[in-house]
């Protein structure tokens, strides 16, 4: 009897979790959510409202330290150095969703980024960008109903989302499109104007 009740409760809890996820996505679509509606933990563990970046152009990137695209950190840092005074912020979100390519702790990731690539742009705590434990920010970024042109599941590390000064997503670049490609640079320059 107890075993049956336990299984029934587990199934109920799983259904409730899925219902809450659907309601969360529906509220994103209905209420015009922007980047500014989220808070994320920095790589040092401090909560940071993304509204801190109001009026800035933001490039959000899910990053990993053991990926064939990891050298993109250098181009991301160069972009940040070149355009930060014009209002560009690059944000790195470590994620271990693809072949365990980001296994480290936040401190290990921070050390890797600063020593190997001299990263000075904001880095955030490791999150999930795929699956049932996907971070709410990435639920928003990948929601096709809220963002028909840029939504869709993250396919790999170093997917980039460009957000305008009003907190709205204006472009998405897949991992094969490097941060220093003409496509990304021209989109950033247009959005900064």
N, C-alpha and C. Protein backbone atom coordinates (compact mmCIF):
# COMPACT_ATOMS: atom_id res chain seq x y z
N UNK A 1 0.82 -1.20 0.00
CA UNK A 1 0.00 0.00 0.00
C UNK A 1 0.86 1.26 0.00
N UNK A 2 1.87 1.28 0.89
CA UNK A 2 2.74 2.45 0.98
C UNK A 2 3.52 2.63 -0.32
N UNK A 3 3.98 1.52 -0.91
CA UNK A 3 4.72 1.57 -2.16
C UNK A 3 3.86 2.15 -3.28
N UNK A 4 2.61 1.76 -3.35
CA UNK A 4 1.68 2.28 -4.36
C UNK A 4 1.47 3.77 -4.17
N UNK A 5 1.26 4.20 -2.91
CA UNK A 5 1.08 5.63 -2.63
C UNK A 5 2.32 6.42 -3.02
N UNK A 6 3.49 5.89 -2.72
CA UNK A 6 4.76 6.56 -3.04
C UNK A 6 4.88 6.74 -4.55
N UNK A 7 4.59 5.71 -5.31
CA UNK A 7 4.65 5.79 -6.77
C UNK A 7 3.63 6.78 -7.31
N UNK A 8 2.44 6.76 -6.73
CA UNK A 8 1.39 7.70 -7.16
C UNK A 8 1.83 9.13 -6.87
N UNK A 9 2.41 9.38 -5.70
CA UNK A 9 2.90 10.72 -5.35
C UNK A 9 4.02 11.15 -6.28
N UNK A 10 4.92 10.25 -6.63
CA UNK A 10 6.01 10.55 -7.53
C UNK A 10 5.47 10.94 -8.90
N UNK A 11 4.52 10.17 -9.41
CA UNK A 11 3.92 10.48 -10.71
C UNK A 11 3.20 11.82 -10.67
N UNK A 12 2.47 12.08 -9.57
CA UNK A 12 1.79 13.36 -9.41
C UNK A 12 2.79 14.50 -9.39
N UNK A 13 3.88 14.34 -8.64
CA UNK A 13 4.90 15.40 -8.56
C UNK A 13 5.54 15.66 -9.92
N UNK A 14 5.77 14.63 -10.70
CA UNK A 14 6.34 14.80 -12.03
C UNK A 14 5.37 15.54 -12.95
N UNK A 15 4.06 15.20 -12.86
CA UNK A 15 3.06 15.90 -13.66
C UNK A 15 2.99 17.37 -13.26
N UNK A 16 3.06 17.65 -11.96
CA UNK A 16 3.00 19.03 -11.47
C UNK A 16 4.22 19.81 -11.94
N UNK A 17 5.38 19.19 -11.93
CA UNK A 17 6.60 19.86 -12.39
C UNK A 17 6.48 20.25 -13.86
N UNK A 18 5.94 19.31 -14.67
CA UNK A 18 5.75 19.60 -16.10
C UNK A 18 4.72 20.70 -16.30
N UNK A 19 3.64 20.68 -15.52
CA UNK A 19 2.62 21.72 -15.61
C UNK A 19 3.20 23.08 -15.26
N UNK A 20 4.00 23.14 -14.22
CA UNK A 20 4.63 24.41 -13.83
C UNK A 20 5.56 24.91 -14.92
N UNK A 21 6.29 24.02 -15.57
CA UNK A 21 7.18 24.42 -16.66
C UNK A 21 6.37 25.01 -17.82
N UNK A 22 5.25 24.36 -18.15
CA UNK A 22 4.38 24.88 -19.22
C UNK A 22 3.82 26.25 -18.85
N UNK A 23 3.37 26.39 -17.61
CA UNK A 23 2.84 27.68 -17.16
C UNK A 23 3.90 28.76 -17.18
N UNK A 24 5.12 28.40 -16.81
CA UNK A 24 6.23 29.36 -16.84
C UNK A 24 6.46 29.84 -18.27
N UNK A 25 6.51 28.90 -19.22
CA UNK A 25 6.71 29.28 -20.61
C UNK A 25 5.54 30.11 -21.14
N UNK A 26 4.33 29.77 -20.71
CA UNK A 26 3.15 30.54 -21.14
C UNK A 26 3.23 31.96 -20.62
N UNK A 27 3.66 32.13 -19.38
CA UNK A 27 3.74 33.48 -18.82
C UNK A 27 4.82 34.28 -19.53
N UNK A 28 5.91 33.61 -19.95
CA UNK A 28 6.94 34.30 -20.72
C UNK A 28 6.34 34.83 -22.01
N UNK A 29 5.57 34.00 -22.69
CA UNK A 29 4.97 34.40 -23.97
C UNK A 29 3.93 35.50 -23.79
N UNK A 30 3.13 35.39 -22.76
CA UNK A 30 2.02 36.33 -22.58
C UNK A 30 2.44 37.71 -22.08
N UNK A 31 3.44 37.76 -21.25
CA UNK A 31 3.75 39.01 -20.58
C UNK A 31 4.95 39.75 -21.14
N UNK A 32 5.47 39.34 -22.28
CA UNK A 32 6.54 40.09 -22.92
C UNK A 32 7.81 40.17 -22.10
N UNK A 33 8.25 39.06 -21.61
CA UNK A 33 9.47 39.00 -20.81
C UNK A 33 10.66 39.51 -21.60
N UNK A 34 11.60 40.12 -20.90
CA UNK A 34 12.87 40.53 -21.50
C UNK A 34 14.00 39.96 -20.67
N UNK A 35 15.20 40.16 -21.12
CA UNK A 35 16.39 39.75 -20.40
C UNK A 35 16.37 40.29 -18.97
N UNK A 36 15.82 41.50 -18.81
CA UNK A 36 15.86 42.20 -17.52
C UNK A 36 14.99 41.55 -16.44
N UNK A 37 14.18 40.59 -16.80
CA UNK A 37 13.30 39.95 -15.84
C UNK A 37 13.96 38.79 -15.09
N UNK A 38 15.24 38.55 -15.37
CA UNK A 38 15.94 37.42 -14.77
C UNK A 38 17.08 37.87 -13.86
N UNK A 39 17.36 37.07 -12.86
CA UNK A 39 18.54 37.23 -12.03
C UNK A 39 19.32 35.94 -12.13
N UNK A 40 20.63 36.05 -12.19
CA UNK A 40 21.48 34.87 -12.28
C UNK A 40 22.62 35.00 -11.27
N UNK A 41 23.17 33.88 -10.86
CA UNK A 41 24.31 33.91 -9.96
C UNK A 41 25.59 34.09 -10.76
N UNK A 42 26.43 35.02 -10.30
CA UNK A 42 27.73 35.21 -10.94
C UNK A 42 28.61 34.01 -10.63
N UNK A 43 29.73 33.93 -11.28
CA UNK A 43 30.64 32.81 -11.05
C UNK A 43 31.18 32.81 -9.62
N UNK A 44 31.05 33.96 -8.94
CA UNK A 44 31.45 34.06 -7.53
C UNK A 44 30.29 33.78 -6.59
N UNK A 45 29.12 33.39 -7.14
CA UNK A 45 27.99 32.98 -6.31
C UNK A 45 27.08 34.10 -5.84
N UNK A 46 27.23 35.30 -6.38
CA UNK A 46 26.38 36.42 -5.97
C UNK A 46 25.25 36.57 -6.98
N UNK A 47 24.03 36.78 -6.47
CA UNK A 47 22.89 36.98 -7.35
C UNK A 47 23.01 38.33 -8.05
N UNK A 48 22.82 38.34 -9.36
CA UNK A 48 22.92 39.57 -10.14
C UNK A 48 21.67 39.71 -11.01
N UNK A 49 20.85 40.75 -10.75
CA UNK A 49 19.72 40.99 -11.65
C UNK A 49 20.26 41.40 -13.02
N UNK A 50 19.76 40.76 -14.06
CA UNK A 50 20.24 41.12 -15.40
C UNK A 50 19.74 42.50 -15.82
N UNK A 51 18.83 43.07 -15.03
CA UNK A 51 18.41 44.47 -15.24
C UNK A 51 19.59 45.42 -15.04
N UNK A 52 20.65 44.92 -14.43
CA UNK A 52 21.90 45.68 -14.29
C UNK A 52 22.39 46.13 -15.67
N UNK A 53 22.04 45.36 -16.70
CA UNK A 53 22.51 45.65 -18.05
C UNK A 53 21.54 46.47 -18.89
N UNK A 54 20.53 47.07 -18.23
CA UNK A 54 19.59 47.93 -18.98
C UNK A 54 20.35 49.00 -19.73
N UNK A 55 19.96 49.20 -20.99
CA UNK A 55 20.62 50.20 -21.82
C UNK A 55 21.89 49.70 -22.49
N UNK A 56 22.28 48.47 -22.23
CA UNK A 56 23.47 47.87 -22.85
C UNK A 56 23.05 46.88 -23.93
N UNK A 57 23.96 46.57 -24.82
CA UNK A 57 23.79 45.48 -25.77
C UNK A 57 24.50 44.29 -25.15
N UNK A 58 23.82 43.16 -25.09
CA UNK A 58 24.36 41.99 -24.39
C UNK A 58 24.46 40.80 -25.35
N UNK A 59 25.62 40.15 -25.31
CA UNK A 59 25.82 38.90 -26.04
C UNK A 59 25.93 37.79 -25.00
N UNK A 60 24.93 36.90 -24.97
CA UNK A 60 24.90 35.79 -24.02
C UNK A 60 25.43 34.55 -24.73
N UNK A 61 26.35 33.84 -24.06
CA UNK A 61 26.98 32.67 -24.67
C UNK A 61 27.05 31.54 -23.66
N UNK A 62 26.58 30.35 -24.05
CA UNK A 62 26.79 29.17 -23.20
C UNK A 62 28.17 28.62 -23.55
N UNK A 63 29.03 28.55 -22.53
CA UNK A 63 30.44 28.26 -22.76
C UNK A 63 30.85 26.92 -22.11
N UNK A 64 31.99 26.41 -22.55
CA UNK A 64 32.56 25.19 -21.97
C UNK A 64 34.07 25.22 -22.17
N UNK A 65 34.80 24.66 -21.23
CA UNK A 65 36.27 24.74 -21.26
C UNK A 65 36.96 23.58 -21.97
N UNK A 66 36.20 22.52 -22.30
CA UNK A 66 36.82 21.36 -22.95
C UNK A 66 36.12 21.02 -24.27
N UNK A 67 35.89 22.03 -25.05
CA UNK A 67 35.14 21.90 -26.30
C UNK A 67 36.03 22.35 -27.45
N UNK A 68 35.76 21.84 -28.64
CA UNK A 68 36.54 22.30 -29.79
C UNK A 68 36.31 23.78 -30.08
N UNK A 69 35.21 24.35 -29.55
CA UNK A 69 34.93 25.76 -29.74
C UNK A 69 35.48 26.65 -28.60
N UNK A 70 36.11 26.04 -27.61
CA UNK A 70 36.63 26.79 -26.46
C UNK A 70 37.53 27.96 -26.88
N UNK A 71 38.35 27.84 -27.93
CA UNK A 71 39.18 28.99 -28.34
C UNK A 71 38.36 30.25 -28.68
N UNK A 72 37.03 30.11 -28.84
CA UNK A 72 36.20 31.29 -29.08
C UNK A 72 36.26 32.27 -27.90
N UNK A 73 36.69 31.80 -26.74
CA UNK A 73 36.87 32.71 -25.60
C UNK A 73 37.77 33.90 -26.00
N UNK A 74 38.82 33.63 -26.76
CA UNK A 74 39.75 34.70 -27.17
C UNK A 74 39.04 35.76 -28.01
N UNK A 75 38.23 35.32 -28.96
CA UNK A 75 37.49 36.27 -29.81
C UNK A 75 36.42 37.00 -29.01
N UNK A 76 35.78 36.30 -28.06
CA UNK A 76 34.78 36.96 -27.20
C UNK A 76 35.44 38.06 -26.37
N UNK A 77 36.61 37.76 -25.81
CA UNK A 77 37.33 38.75 -25.01
C UNK A 77 37.76 39.93 -25.87
N UNK A 78 38.22 39.67 -27.08
CA UNK A 78 38.62 40.75 -27.99
C UNK A 78 37.42 41.65 -28.34
N UNK A 79 36.26 41.03 -28.61
CA UNK A 79 35.04 41.80 -28.88
C UNK A 79 34.68 42.68 -27.69
N UNK A 80 34.74 42.09 -26.52
CA UNK A 80 34.41 42.82 -25.29
C UNK A 80 35.35 44.02 -25.11
N UNK A 81 36.63 43.79 -25.29
CA UNK A 81 37.61 44.87 -25.13
C UNK A 81 37.36 45.99 -26.14
N UNK A 82 37.02 45.61 -27.35
CA UNK A 82 36.83 46.61 -28.42
C UNK A 82 35.55 47.42 -28.25
N UNK A 83 34.45 46.79 -27.80
CA UNK A 83 33.14 47.45 -27.81
C UNK A 83 32.55 47.76 -26.44
N UNK A 84 33.21 47.39 -25.36
CA UNK A 84 32.59 47.60 -24.03
C UNK A 84 32.35 49.07 -23.74
N UNK A 85 33.23 49.94 -24.19
CA UNK A 85 33.04 51.38 -23.94
C UNK A 85 31.88 51.96 -24.75
N UNK A 86 31.43 51.21 -25.77
CA UNK A 86 30.27 51.64 -26.56
C UNK A 86 28.97 51.03 -26.03
N UNK A 87 29.09 50.18 -25.00
CA UNK A 87 27.89 49.62 -24.39
C UNK A 87 27.68 48.13 -24.58
N UNK A 88 28.70 47.39 -25.04
CA UNK A 88 28.55 45.94 -25.20
C UNK A 88 28.96 45.22 -23.92
N UNK A 89 28.14 44.27 -23.52
CA UNK A 89 28.48 43.36 -22.42
C UNK A 89 28.41 41.95 -22.98
N UNK A 90 29.44 41.16 -22.71
CA UNK A 90 29.42 39.75 -23.08
C UNK A 90 29.26 38.98 -21.78
N UNK A 91 28.38 37.99 -21.79
CA UNK A 91 28.14 37.19 -20.59
C UNK A 91 28.36 35.73 -20.92
N UNK A 92 29.15 35.07 -20.09
CA UNK A 92 29.43 33.66 -20.28
C UNK A 92 28.67 32.81 -19.28
N UNK A 93 27.96 31.81 -19.78
CA UNK A 93 27.19 30.90 -18.94
C UNK A 93 27.72 29.48 -19.12
N UNK A 94 28.63 29.05 -18.25
CA UNK A 94 29.15 27.68 -18.36
C UNK A 94 28.03 26.65 -18.24
N UNK A 95 28.10 25.64 -19.08
CA UNK A 95 27.09 24.58 -19.07
C UNK A 95 27.76 23.25 -19.40
N UNK A 96 27.33 22.21 -18.74
CA UNK A 96 27.93 20.88 -18.92
C UNK A 96 26.97 19.94 -19.64
N UNK A 97 26.17 20.47 -20.54
CA UNK A 97 25.13 19.68 -21.20
C UNK A 97 25.61 18.84 -22.37
N UNK A 98 26.78 19.12 -22.90
CA UNK A 98 27.21 18.46 -24.12
C UNK A 98 28.51 17.69 -23.90
N UNK A 99 28.40 16.38 -23.83
CA UNK A 99 29.54 15.47 -23.67
C UNK A 99 30.43 15.82 -22.49
N UNK A 100 29.82 16.35 -21.42
CA UNK A 100 30.56 16.65 -20.19
C UNK A 100 31.77 17.55 -20.45
N UNK A 101 31.59 18.56 -21.32
CA UNK A 101 32.71 19.42 -21.71
C UNK A 101 32.92 20.60 -20.77
N UNK A 102 32.11 20.70 -19.72
CA UNK A 102 32.34 21.71 -18.68
C UNK A 102 32.18 21.05 -17.31
N UNK A 103 33.13 20.16 -16.94
CA UNK A 103 32.99 19.41 -15.70
C UNK A 103 33.41 20.16 -14.44
N UNK A 104 34.12 21.25 -14.60
CA UNK A 104 34.71 21.93 -13.45
C UNK A 104 33.73 22.65 -12.55
N UNK A 105 34.24 23.03 -11.38
CA UNK A 105 33.49 23.87 -10.45
C UNK A 105 33.54 25.30 -10.94
N UNK A 106 32.72 26.15 -10.37
CA UNK A 106 32.76 27.56 -10.75
C UNK A 106 34.15 28.15 -10.57
N UNK A 107 34.81 27.82 -9.47
CA UNK A 107 36.16 28.35 -9.21
C UNK A 107 37.16 27.85 -10.25
N UNK A 108 37.05 26.57 -10.62
CA UNK A 108 37.95 26.02 -11.65
C UNK A 108 37.70 26.68 -13.01
N UNK A 109 36.44 26.93 -13.32
CA UNK A 109 36.09 27.59 -14.59
C UNK A 109 36.63 29.01 -14.59
N UNK A 110 36.44 29.72 -13.49
CA UNK A 110 36.93 31.11 -13.38
C UNK A 110 38.45 31.15 -13.57
N UNK A 111 39.16 30.25 -12.91
CA UNK A 111 40.62 30.21 -13.02
C UNK A 111 41.04 29.90 -14.45
N UNK A 112 40.38 28.92 -15.07
CA UNK A 112 40.69 28.55 -16.45
C UNK A 112 40.51 29.76 -17.38
N UNK A 113 39.37 30.43 -17.27
CA UNK A 113 39.05 31.55 -18.17
C UNK A 113 40.04 32.71 -17.99
N UNK A 114 40.38 33.01 -16.75
CA UNK A 114 41.27 34.16 -16.52
C UNK A 114 42.72 33.84 -16.86
N UNK A 115 43.18 32.62 -16.61
CA UNK A 115 44.58 32.31 -16.89
C UNK A 115 44.82 31.93 -18.35
N UNK A 116 43.90 31.20 -18.95
CA UNK A 116 44.11 30.74 -20.34
C UNK A 116 43.70 31.79 -21.38
N UNK A 117 42.62 32.55 -21.09
CA UNK A 117 42.11 33.48 -22.10
C UNK A 117 42.00 34.93 -21.61
N UNK A 118 42.46 35.21 -20.41
CA UNK A 118 42.40 36.57 -19.84
C UNK A 118 41.00 37.16 -19.90
N UNK A 119 40.00 36.35 -19.63
CA UNK A 119 38.60 36.79 -19.69
C UNK A 119 38.33 37.82 -18.60
N UNK A 120 37.78 38.96 -19.03
CA UNK A 120 37.37 40.00 -18.08
C UNK A 120 35.88 40.30 -18.18
N UNK A 121 35.19 39.70 -19.17
CA UNK A 121 33.75 39.93 -19.28
C UNK A 121 33.05 39.11 -18.20
N UNK A 122 31.81 39.47 -17.85
CA UNK A 122 31.10 38.78 -16.76
C UNK A 122 30.87 37.29 -17.05
N UNK A 123 31.24 36.49 -16.06
CA UNK A 123 31.00 35.05 -16.13
C UNK A 123 30.01 34.69 -15.02
N UNK A 124 29.17 33.73 -15.31
CA UNK A 124 28.13 33.33 -14.38
C UNK A 124 28.35 31.90 -13.91
N UNK A 125 27.63 31.54 -12.88
CA UNK A 125 27.69 30.20 -12.31
C UNK A 125 27.22 29.18 -13.33
N UNK A 126 27.76 27.97 -13.24
CA UNK A 126 27.40 26.91 -14.18
C UNK A 126 25.91 26.60 -14.07
N UNK A 127 25.27 26.47 -15.22
CA UNK A 127 23.83 26.21 -15.31
C UNK A 127 23.58 25.09 -16.32
N UNK A 128 22.33 24.73 -16.47
CA UNK A 128 21.91 23.83 -17.53
C UNK A 128 21.19 24.65 -18.59
N UNK A 129 21.50 24.37 -19.86
CA UNK A 129 20.86 25.09 -20.96
C UNK A 129 19.96 24.17 -21.78
N UNK A 130 19.76 22.95 -21.28
CA UNK A 130 19.02 21.94 -22.03
C UNK A 130 18.38 20.98 -21.04
N UNK A 131 17.21 20.47 -21.38
CA UNK A 131 16.59 19.43 -20.56
C UNK A 131 15.67 19.96 -19.49
N UNK A 132 15.25 19.06 -18.62
CA UNK A 132 14.27 19.39 -17.58
C UNK A 132 14.79 20.39 -16.56
N UNK A 133 16.11 20.43 -16.35
CA UNK A 133 16.67 21.35 -15.37
C UNK A 133 17.22 22.63 -16.02
N UNK A 134 16.75 22.92 -17.23
CA UNK A 134 17.18 24.11 -17.95
C UNK A 134 16.90 25.36 -17.12
N UNK A 135 17.89 26.25 -17.06
CA UNK A 135 17.74 27.50 -16.31
C UNK A 135 16.61 28.33 -16.91
N UNK A 136 15.83 29.03 -16.07
CA UNK A 136 14.72 29.87 -16.58
C UNK A 136 15.15 30.85 -17.67
N UNK A 137 16.34 31.44 -17.54
CA UNK A 137 16.83 32.35 -18.58
C UNK A 137 16.91 31.64 -19.92
N UNK A 138 17.42 30.42 -19.93
CA UNK A 138 17.53 29.68 -21.19
C UNK A 138 16.20 29.12 -21.66
N UNK A 139 15.25 28.92 -20.75
CA UNK A 139 13.89 28.58 -21.18
C UNK A 139 13.34 29.74 -22.01
N UNK A 140 13.58 30.95 -21.52
CA UNK A 140 13.13 32.14 -22.24
C UNK A 140 13.85 32.29 -23.58
N UNK A 141 15.17 32.19 -23.56
CA UNK A 141 15.95 32.39 -24.79
C UNK A 141 15.57 31.39 -25.87
N UNK A 142 15.24 30.17 -25.49
CA UNK A 142 14.97 29.12 -26.48
C UNK A 142 13.49 28.91 -26.76
N UNK A 143 12.62 29.67 -26.12
CA UNK A 143 11.17 29.52 -26.30
C UNK A 143 10.76 30.04 -27.68
N UNK A 144 10.29 29.13 -28.53
CA UNK A 144 9.91 29.51 -29.91
C UNK A 144 8.67 30.39 -29.95
N UNK A 145 7.77 30.25 -28.98
CA UNK A 145 6.57 31.10 -29.01
C UNK A 145 6.92 32.53 -28.58
N UNK A 146 7.83 32.70 -27.65
CA UNK A 146 8.23 34.04 -27.22
C UNK A 146 9.23 34.66 -28.20
N UNK A 147 10.04 33.81 -28.82
CA UNK A 147 11.11 34.28 -29.72
C UNK A 147 11.13 33.43 -30.99
N UNK A 148 10.15 33.64 -31.89
CA UNK A 148 10.03 32.76 -33.06
C UNK A 148 11.27 32.76 -33.96
N UNK A 149 11.97 33.88 -34.07
CA UNK A 149 13.12 33.95 -34.97
C UNK A 149 14.39 33.36 -34.36
N UNK A 150 14.49 33.38 -33.04
CA UNK A 150 15.74 32.96 -32.40
C UNK A 150 15.57 31.79 -31.44
N UNK A 151 14.34 31.34 -31.23
CA UNK A 151 14.09 30.24 -30.30
C UNK A 151 14.53 28.91 -30.86
N UNK A 152 14.41 27.89 -30.06
CA UNK A 152 14.82 26.54 -30.44
C UNK A 152 15.90 26.06 -29.50
N UNK A 153 15.96 24.76 -29.32
CA UNK A 153 16.90 24.18 -28.38
C UNK A 153 18.35 24.53 -28.71
N UNK A 154 19.14 24.62 -27.67
CA UNK A 154 20.58 24.82 -27.82
C UNK A 154 21.15 23.51 -28.35
N UNK A 155 21.94 23.60 -29.42
CA UNK A 155 22.47 22.39 -30.05
C UNK A 155 23.88 22.05 -29.54
N UNK A 156 24.63 23.06 -29.07
CA UNK A 156 25.99 22.81 -28.62
C UNK A 156 26.51 24.03 -27.86
N UNK A 157 27.71 23.88 -27.33
CA UNK A 157 28.37 24.98 -26.62
C UNK A 157 28.66 26.14 -27.57
N UNK A 158 28.70 27.33 -27.02
CA UNK A 158 29.03 28.56 -27.72
C UNK A 158 27.94 29.02 -28.70
N UNK A 159 26.68 28.76 -28.33
CA UNK A 159 25.56 29.38 -29.03
C UNK A 159 25.46 30.80 -28.47
N UNK A 160 25.22 31.77 -29.35
CA UNK A 160 25.26 33.17 -28.94
C UNK A 160 23.91 33.85 -29.21
N UNK A 161 23.43 34.60 -28.21
CA UNK A 161 22.20 35.38 -28.36
C UNK A 161 22.57 36.85 -28.20
N UNK A 162 22.16 37.67 -29.16
CA UNK A 162 22.41 39.11 -29.09
C UNK A 162 21.12 39.80 -28.65
N UNK A 163 21.24 40.61 -27.61
CA UNK A 163 20.09 41.29 -27.01
C UNK A 163 20.31 42.80 -27.12
N UNK A 164 19.26 43.51 -27.54
CA UNK A 164 19.39 44.96 -27.73
C UNK A 164 19.30 45.73 -26.41
N UNK A 165 19.38 47.04 -26.50
CA UNK A 165 19.40 47.89 -25.31
C UNK A 165 18.08 47.89 -24.54
N UNK A 166 17.04 47.32 -25.15
CA UNK A 166 15.73 47.21 -24.48
C UNK A 166 15.49 45.83 -23.90
N UNK A 167 16.51 44.97 -23.97
CA UNK A 167 16.38 43.63 -23.39
C UNK A 167 15.73 42.60 -24.29
N UNK A 168 15.55 42.92 -25.56
CA UNK A 168 14.92 41.99 -26.52
C UNK A 168 15.97 41.29 -27.38
N UNK A 169 15.72 40.02 -27.64
CA UNK A 169 16.64 39.23 -28.46
C UNK A 169 16.51 39.68 -29.91
N UNK A 170 17.65 40.00 -30.54
CA UNK A 170 17.62 40.44 -31.93
C UNK A 170 18.31 39.47 -32.88
N UNK A 171 19.18 38.59 -32.35
CA UNK A 171 19.86 37.64 -33.24
C UNK A 171 20.36 36.44 -32.43
N UNK A 172 20.53 35.35 -33.15
CA UNK A 172 21.10 34.13 -32.58
C UNK A 172 22.15 33.62 -33.55
N UNK A 173 23.28 33.20 -32.99
CA UNK A 173 24.37 32.66 -33.81
C UNK A 173 24.75 31.30 -33.26
N UNK A 174 24.79 30.33 -34.14
CA UNK A 174 25.14 28.96 -33.74
C UNK A 174 26.64 28.87 -33.47
N UNK A 175 27.07 27.80 -32.81
CA UNK A 175 28.47 27.68 -32.40
C UNK A 175 29.49 27.81 -33.54
N UNK A 176 29.14 27.38 -34.73
CA UNK A 176 30.09 27.44 -35.85
C UNK A 176 30.35 28.87 -36.31
N UNK A 177 29.48 29.80 -35.93
CA UNK A 177 29.67 31.20 -36.28
C UNK A 177 30.52 31.82 -35.17
N UNK A 178 31.75 32.17 -35.52
CA UNK A 178 32.69 32.67 -34.51
C UNK A 178 32.34 34.10 -34.10
N UNK A 179 32.72 34.48 -32.88
CA UNK A 179 32.41 35.83 -32.39
C UNK A 179 33.02 36.94 -33.24
N UNK A 180 34.12 36.66 -33.91
CA UNK A 180 34.78 37.69 -34.72
C UNK A 180 34.39 37.62 -36.20
N UNK A 181 33.37 36.81 -36.52
CA UNK A 181 32.91 36.72 -37.90
C UNK A 181 32.24 38.03 -38.30
N UNK A 182 32.29 38.37 -39.59
CA UNK A 182 31.62 39.60 -40.04
C UNK A 182 30.14 39.64 -39.67
N UNK A 183 29.49 38.48 -39.69
CA UNK A 183 28.08 38.37 -39.36
C UNK A 183 27.80 38.84 -37.93
N UNK A 184 28.60 38.38 -36.97
CA UNK A 184 28.41 38.75 -35.57
C UNK A 184 28.83 40.20 -35.34
N UNK A 185 29.99 40.58 -35.86
CA UNK A 185 30.49 41.94 -35.65
C UNK A 185 29.54 42.98 -36.22
N UNK A 186 29.02 42.76 -37.44
CA UNK A 186 28.09 43.74 -38.02
C UNK A 186 26.79 43.80 -37.23
N UNK A 187 26.30 42.66 -36.72
CA UNK A 187 25.08 42.67 -35.91
C UNK A 187 25.30 43.45 -34.62
N UNK A 188 26.45 43.27 -34.00
CA UNK A 188 26.77 44.01 -32.77
C UNK A 188 26.85 45.50 -33.07
N UNK A 189 27.55 45.86 -34.12
CA UNK A 189 27.70 47.29 -34.47
C UNK A 189 26.36 47.93 -34.77
N UNK A 190 25.49 47.24 -35.50
CA UNK A 190 24.14 47.76 -35.80
C UNK A 190 23.35 47.96 -34.50
N UNK A 191 23.44 47.01 -33.62
CA UNK A 191 22.65 47.05 -32.38
C UNK A 191 23.19 48.11 -31.42
N UNK A 192 24.48 48.38 -31.49
CA UNK A 192 25.06 49.42 -30.63
C UNK A 192 24.64 50.83 -31.06
N UNK A 193 24.30 50.99 -32.35
CA UNK A 193 23.95 52.33 -32.87
C UNK A 193 22.61 52.81 -32.34
